[in-house]
């Protein structure tokens, strides 16, 4: 167990989760499903935790383990990263301003993670920056859907405070999470542009 007093939820996207885990010592997290422990789909520990000697999985379900000071990290497969050649390529794609007007084309939006099923909303609100795209992602969620009309009529600034407040209206995004997901969309959009330009 760790003596770190960490709170939060860390998700790390990777091009190939299994390849990464093959070189990193780790212990799979577990989930209690009606009294039966199963392996967590994405969660792992990179520090010592109580371990089942037969499965080599954590012997505590992840929510109980968290209460005991264990810190789970979720490693998620994201196909976008499989097309990144190296760190310089990644940085170049993230630092390149995207062609925001491409988000007005349904065939482009349908290719992009997180927004591929929400072309109507993207087209309606026409995001022109990462923060605006993050707000669109937030409005996809039920807890902030009521802000769509206000945003359309009065602009992004009119919802800038309320969009990130946590309330009981339903599932919402934290700003940091939405910004991170928006950066992945920018990355993928720039990858699409790069691929098209090489044809």
Protein backbone atom coordinates (compact mmCIF):
# COMPACT_ATOMS: atom_id res chain seq x y z
CA UNK A 1 0.00 0.00 0.00
CA UNK A 2 1.06 3.55 -0.56
CA UNK A 3 1.41 6.27 2.03
CA UNK A 4 0.40 8.90 -0.53
CA UNK A 5 -2.86 10.63 0.25
CA UNK A 6 -4.09 11.05 -3.31
CA UNK A 7 -7.61 11.75 -4.39
CA UNK A 8 -8.94 11.94 -7.90
CA UNK A 9 -9.36 9.90 -10.99
CA UNK A 10 -6.56 9.56 -13.51
CA UNK A 11 -7.22 8.16 -16.98
CA UNK A 12 -4.29 7.75 -19.35
CA UNK A 13 -4.92 7.17 -23.03
CA UNK A 14 -2.52 4.93 -24.89
CA UNK A 15 -2.32 3.57 -28.42
CA UNK A 16 -1.95 -0.01 -27.19
CA UNK A 17 -2.70 -0.69 -23.54
CA UNK A 18 -1.41 -4.27 -23.61
CA UNK A 19 1.89 -3.26 -25.18
CA UNK A 20 2.43 -0.61 -22.51
CA UNK A 21 1.54 -2.96 -19.65
CA UNK A 22 3.90 -5.62 -21.00
CA UNK A 23 6.85 -3.43 -19.96
CA UNK A 24 5.44 -1.83 -16.79
CA UNK A 25 5.20 -3.78 -13.53
CA UNK A 26 1.60 -3.47 -12.35
CA UNK A 27 -1.19 -5.16 -10.45
CA UNK A 28 -4.65 -5.31 -12.07
CA UNK A 29 -7.49 -3.72 -10.11
CA UNK A 30 -10.64 -5.69 -9.33
CA UNK A 31 -14.37 -5.08 -9.21
CA UNK A 32 -16.84 -6.71 -6.83
CA UNK A 33 -19.77 -7.93 -8.93
CA UNK A 34 -22.30 -9.34 -6.46
CA UNK A 35 -19.66 -11.01 -4.32
CA UNK A 36 -17.52 -12.25 -7.21
CA UNK A 37 -14.26 -10.43 -7.92
CA UNK A 38 -13.50 -9.79 -11.56
CA UNK A 39 -10.63 -7.99 -13.20
CA UNK A 40 -11.25 -4.26 -13.72
CA UNK A 41 -11.46 -3.40 -17.43
CA UNK A 42 -8.87 -0.64 -17.32
CA UNK A 43 -7.64 -0.06 -13.76
CA UNK A 44 -4.15 -0.97 -12.56
CA UNK A 45 -1.88 -0.18 -9.62
CA UNK A 46 1.75 0.79 -10.04
CA UNK A 47 2.53 0.35 -6.35
CA UNK A 48 2.22 -2.50 -3.86
CA UNK A 49 -1.36 -3.43 -2.95
CA UNK A 50 -2.87 -6.51 -1.28
CA UNK A 51 -2.72 -9.21 -3.94
CA UNK A 52 -4.55 -12.48 -4.47
CA UNK A 53 -1.82 -15.16 -4.73
CA UNK A 54 -3.69 -17.17 -7.39
CA UNK A 55 -4.69 -14.43 -9.84
CA UNK A 56 -2.05 -11.81 -8.95
CA UNK A 57 -4.86 -9.26 -9.02
CA UNK A 58 -5.57 -6.82 -6.22
CA UNK A 59 -7.42 -8.71 -3.49
CA UNK A 60 -9.60 -5.68 -2.69
CA UNK A 61 -12.21 -4.24 -5.06
CA UNK A 62 -11.03 -0.85 -6.34
CA UNK A 63 -13.47 1.23 -4.27
CA UNK A 64 -12.45 -0.52 -1.05
CA UNK A 65 -8.79 -0.36 -2.06
CA UNK A 66 -9.10 3.40 -2.56
CA UNK A 67 -10.36 3.75 1.01
CA UNK A 68 -7.25 1.82 2.11
CA UNK A 69 -4.89 4.28 0.38
CA UNK A 70 -4.44 2.41 -2.91
CA UNK A 71 -4.40 4.58 -6.02
CA UNK A 72 -5.84 3.10 -9.23
CA UNK A 73 -4.93 4.46 -12.65
CA UNK A 74 -7.07 3.66 -15.66
CA UNK A 75 -5.16 2.91 -18.86
CA UNK A 76 -7.46 3.31 -21.85
CA UNK A 77 -6.94 2.24 -25.45
CA UNK A 78 -7.33 5.19 -27.80
CA UNK A 79 -6.76 4.39 -31.47
CA UNK A 80 -5.80 8.00 -32.19
CA UNK A 81 -2.45 7.52 -30.45
CA UNK A 82 -1.58 4.47 -32.54
CA UNK A 83 -0.94 6.87 -35.45
CA UNK A 84 1.52 9.04 -33.52
CA UNK A 85 5.11 8.38 -34.60
CA UNK A 86 6.94 9.92 -31.65
CA UNK A 87 6.85 12.71 -29.09
CA UNK A 88 7.85 15.37 -31.63
CA UNK A 89 5.00 14.31 -33.92
CA UNK A 90 2.56 14.49 -31.01
CA UNK A 91 3.75 17.94 -29.96
CA UNK A 92 3.61 19.23 -33.53
CA UNK A 93 0.01 18.04 -33.95
CA UNK A 94 -1.07 19.53 -30.62
CA UNK A 95 0.61 22.87 -31.31
CA UNK A 96 -0.80 23.25 -34.82
CA UNK A 97 -3.95 25.40 -34.84
CA UNK A 98 -6.68 23.22 -36.38
CA UNK A 99 -8.94 24.27 -39.22
CA UNK A 100 -12.02 24.80 -37.04
CA UNK A 101 -14.23 25.25 -40.10
CA UNK A 102 -13.81 21.53 -40.82
CA UNK A 103 -16.12 20.88 -37.87
CA UNK A 104 -18.93 22.17 -40.07
CA UNK A 105 -18.59 19.09 -42.29
CA UNK A 106 -20.52 16.05 -41.08
CA UNK A 107 -18.18 13.56 -42.75
CA UNK A 108 -15.27 15.01 -40.74
CA UNK A 109 -17.08 15.16 -37.40
CA UNK A 110 -18.22 11.55 -37.82
CA UNK A 111 -14.54 10.53 -37.81
CA UNK A 112 -13.69 12.31 -34.55
CA UNK A 113 -13.76 10.71 -31.11
CA UNK A 114 -16.20 12.00 -28.50
CA UNK A 115 -18.22 14.10 -30.98
CA UNK A 116 -18.80 11.65 -33.84
CA UNK A 117 -22.47 11.21 -32.92
CA UNK A 118 -23.08 14.88 -32.15
CA UNK A 119 -22.62 16.66 -35.46
CA UNK A 120 -25.88 18.62 -35.05
CA UNK A 121 -24.66 20.20 -31.82
CA UNK A 122 -21.16 20.90 -33.16
CA UNK A 123 -22.59 22.45 -36.30
CA UNK A 124 -25.06 24.54 -34.27
CA UNK A 125 -22.50 25.95 -31.80
CA UNK A 126 -19.49 26.21 -34.17
CA UNK A 127 -16.61 25.95 -31.65
CA UNK A 128 -13.49 27.93 -32.61
CA UNK A 129 -11.11 27.03 -29.77
CA UNK A 130 -10.24 24.22 -27.38
CA UNK A 131 -12.17 25.86 -24.48
CA UNK A 132 -15.26 26.24 -26.69
CA UNK A 133 -14.98 22.64 -27.88
CA UNK A 134 -14.72 21.58 -24.22
CA UNK A 135 -17.98 23.43 -23.53
CA UNK A 136 -19.63 21.60 -26.43
CA UNK A 137 -18.49 18.31 -24.90
CA UNK A 138 -19.95 19.42 -21.57
CA UNK A 139 -23.30 20.22 -23.22
CA UNK A 140 -23.46 16.75 -24.71
CA UNK A 141 -23.88 15.47 -21.16
CA UNK A 142 -27.40 15.49 -19.66
CA UNK A 143 -26.46 17.75 -16.75
CA UNK A 144 -25.57 20.69 -19.02
CA UNK A 145 -27.80 20.08 -22.03
CA UNK A 146 -30.09 22.91 -20.86
CA UNK A 147 -27.34 25.44 -21.72
CA UNK A 148 -27.37 24.74 -25.47
CA UNK A 149 -30.01 27.34 -26.34
CA UNK A 150 -28.41 30.01 -24.16
CA UNK A 151 -25.03 29.34 -25.76
CA UNK A 152 -26.52 29.49 -29.24
CA UNK A 153 -28.31 32.77 -28.56
CA UNK A 154 -25.80 34.56 -26.33
CA UNK A 155 -22.45 32.92 -27.05
CA UNK A 156 -19.97 30.88 -25.07
CA UNK A 157 -19.16 33.66 -22.62
CA UNK A 158 -22.76 33.59 -21.36
CA UNK A 159 -22.34 30.03 -20.06
CA UNK A 160 -18.65 30.14 -19.08
CA UNK A 161 -19.31 30.08 -15.33
CA UNK A 162 -22.32 27.79 -15.17
CA UNK A 163 -21.01 25.12 -17.55
CA UNK A 164 -18.39 23.89 -15.05
CA UNK A 165 -20.44 24.15 -11.86
CA UNK A 166 -21.36 20.83 -10.31
CA UNK A 167 -25.05 20.41 -9.49
CA UNK A 168 -27.66 17.67 -9.30
CA UNK A 169 -29.02 18.01 -12.87
CA UNK A 170 -27.32 14.82 -14.05
CA UNK A 171 -23.99 13.58 -15.36
CA UNK A 172 -21.54 16.43 -16.08
CA UNK A 173 -17.90 16.88 -17.04
CA UNK A 174 -15.22 18.56 -15.00
CA UNK A 175 -13.43 21.28 -16.94
CA UNK A 176 -10.06 19.52 -16.85
CA UNK A 177 -11.57 16.36 -18.30
CA UNK A 178 -13.40 18.20 -21.08
CA UNK A 179 -10.29 20.21 -22.02
CA UNK A 180 -8.24 17.00 -22.22
CA UNK A 181 -10.81 15.33 -24.45
CA UNK A 182 -10.93 18.44 -26.63
CA UNK A 183 -7.17 18.23 -27.12
CA UNK A 184 -7.58 14.64 -28.31
CA UNK A 185 -10.15 15.83 -30.86
CA UNK A 186 -7.75 18.55 -32.06
CA UNK A 187 -5.01 15.92 -32.30
CA UNK A 188 -7.21 13.66 -34.39
CA UNK A 189 -8.44 16.52 -36.58
CA UNK A 190 -4.85 17.53 -37.32
CA UNK A 191 -3.98 13.89 -38.02
CA UNK A 192 -6.81 13.74 -40.56
CA UNK A 193 -5.55 16.90 -42.23
CA UNK A 194 -2.01 15.51 -42.28
CA UNK A 195 -3.19 12.23 -43.83
CA UNK A 196 -5.26 14.00 -46.49
CA UNK A 197 -2.39 16.33 -47.38
CA UNK A 198 -0.07 13.34 -47.96
CA UNK A 199 -2.40 11.69 -50.48
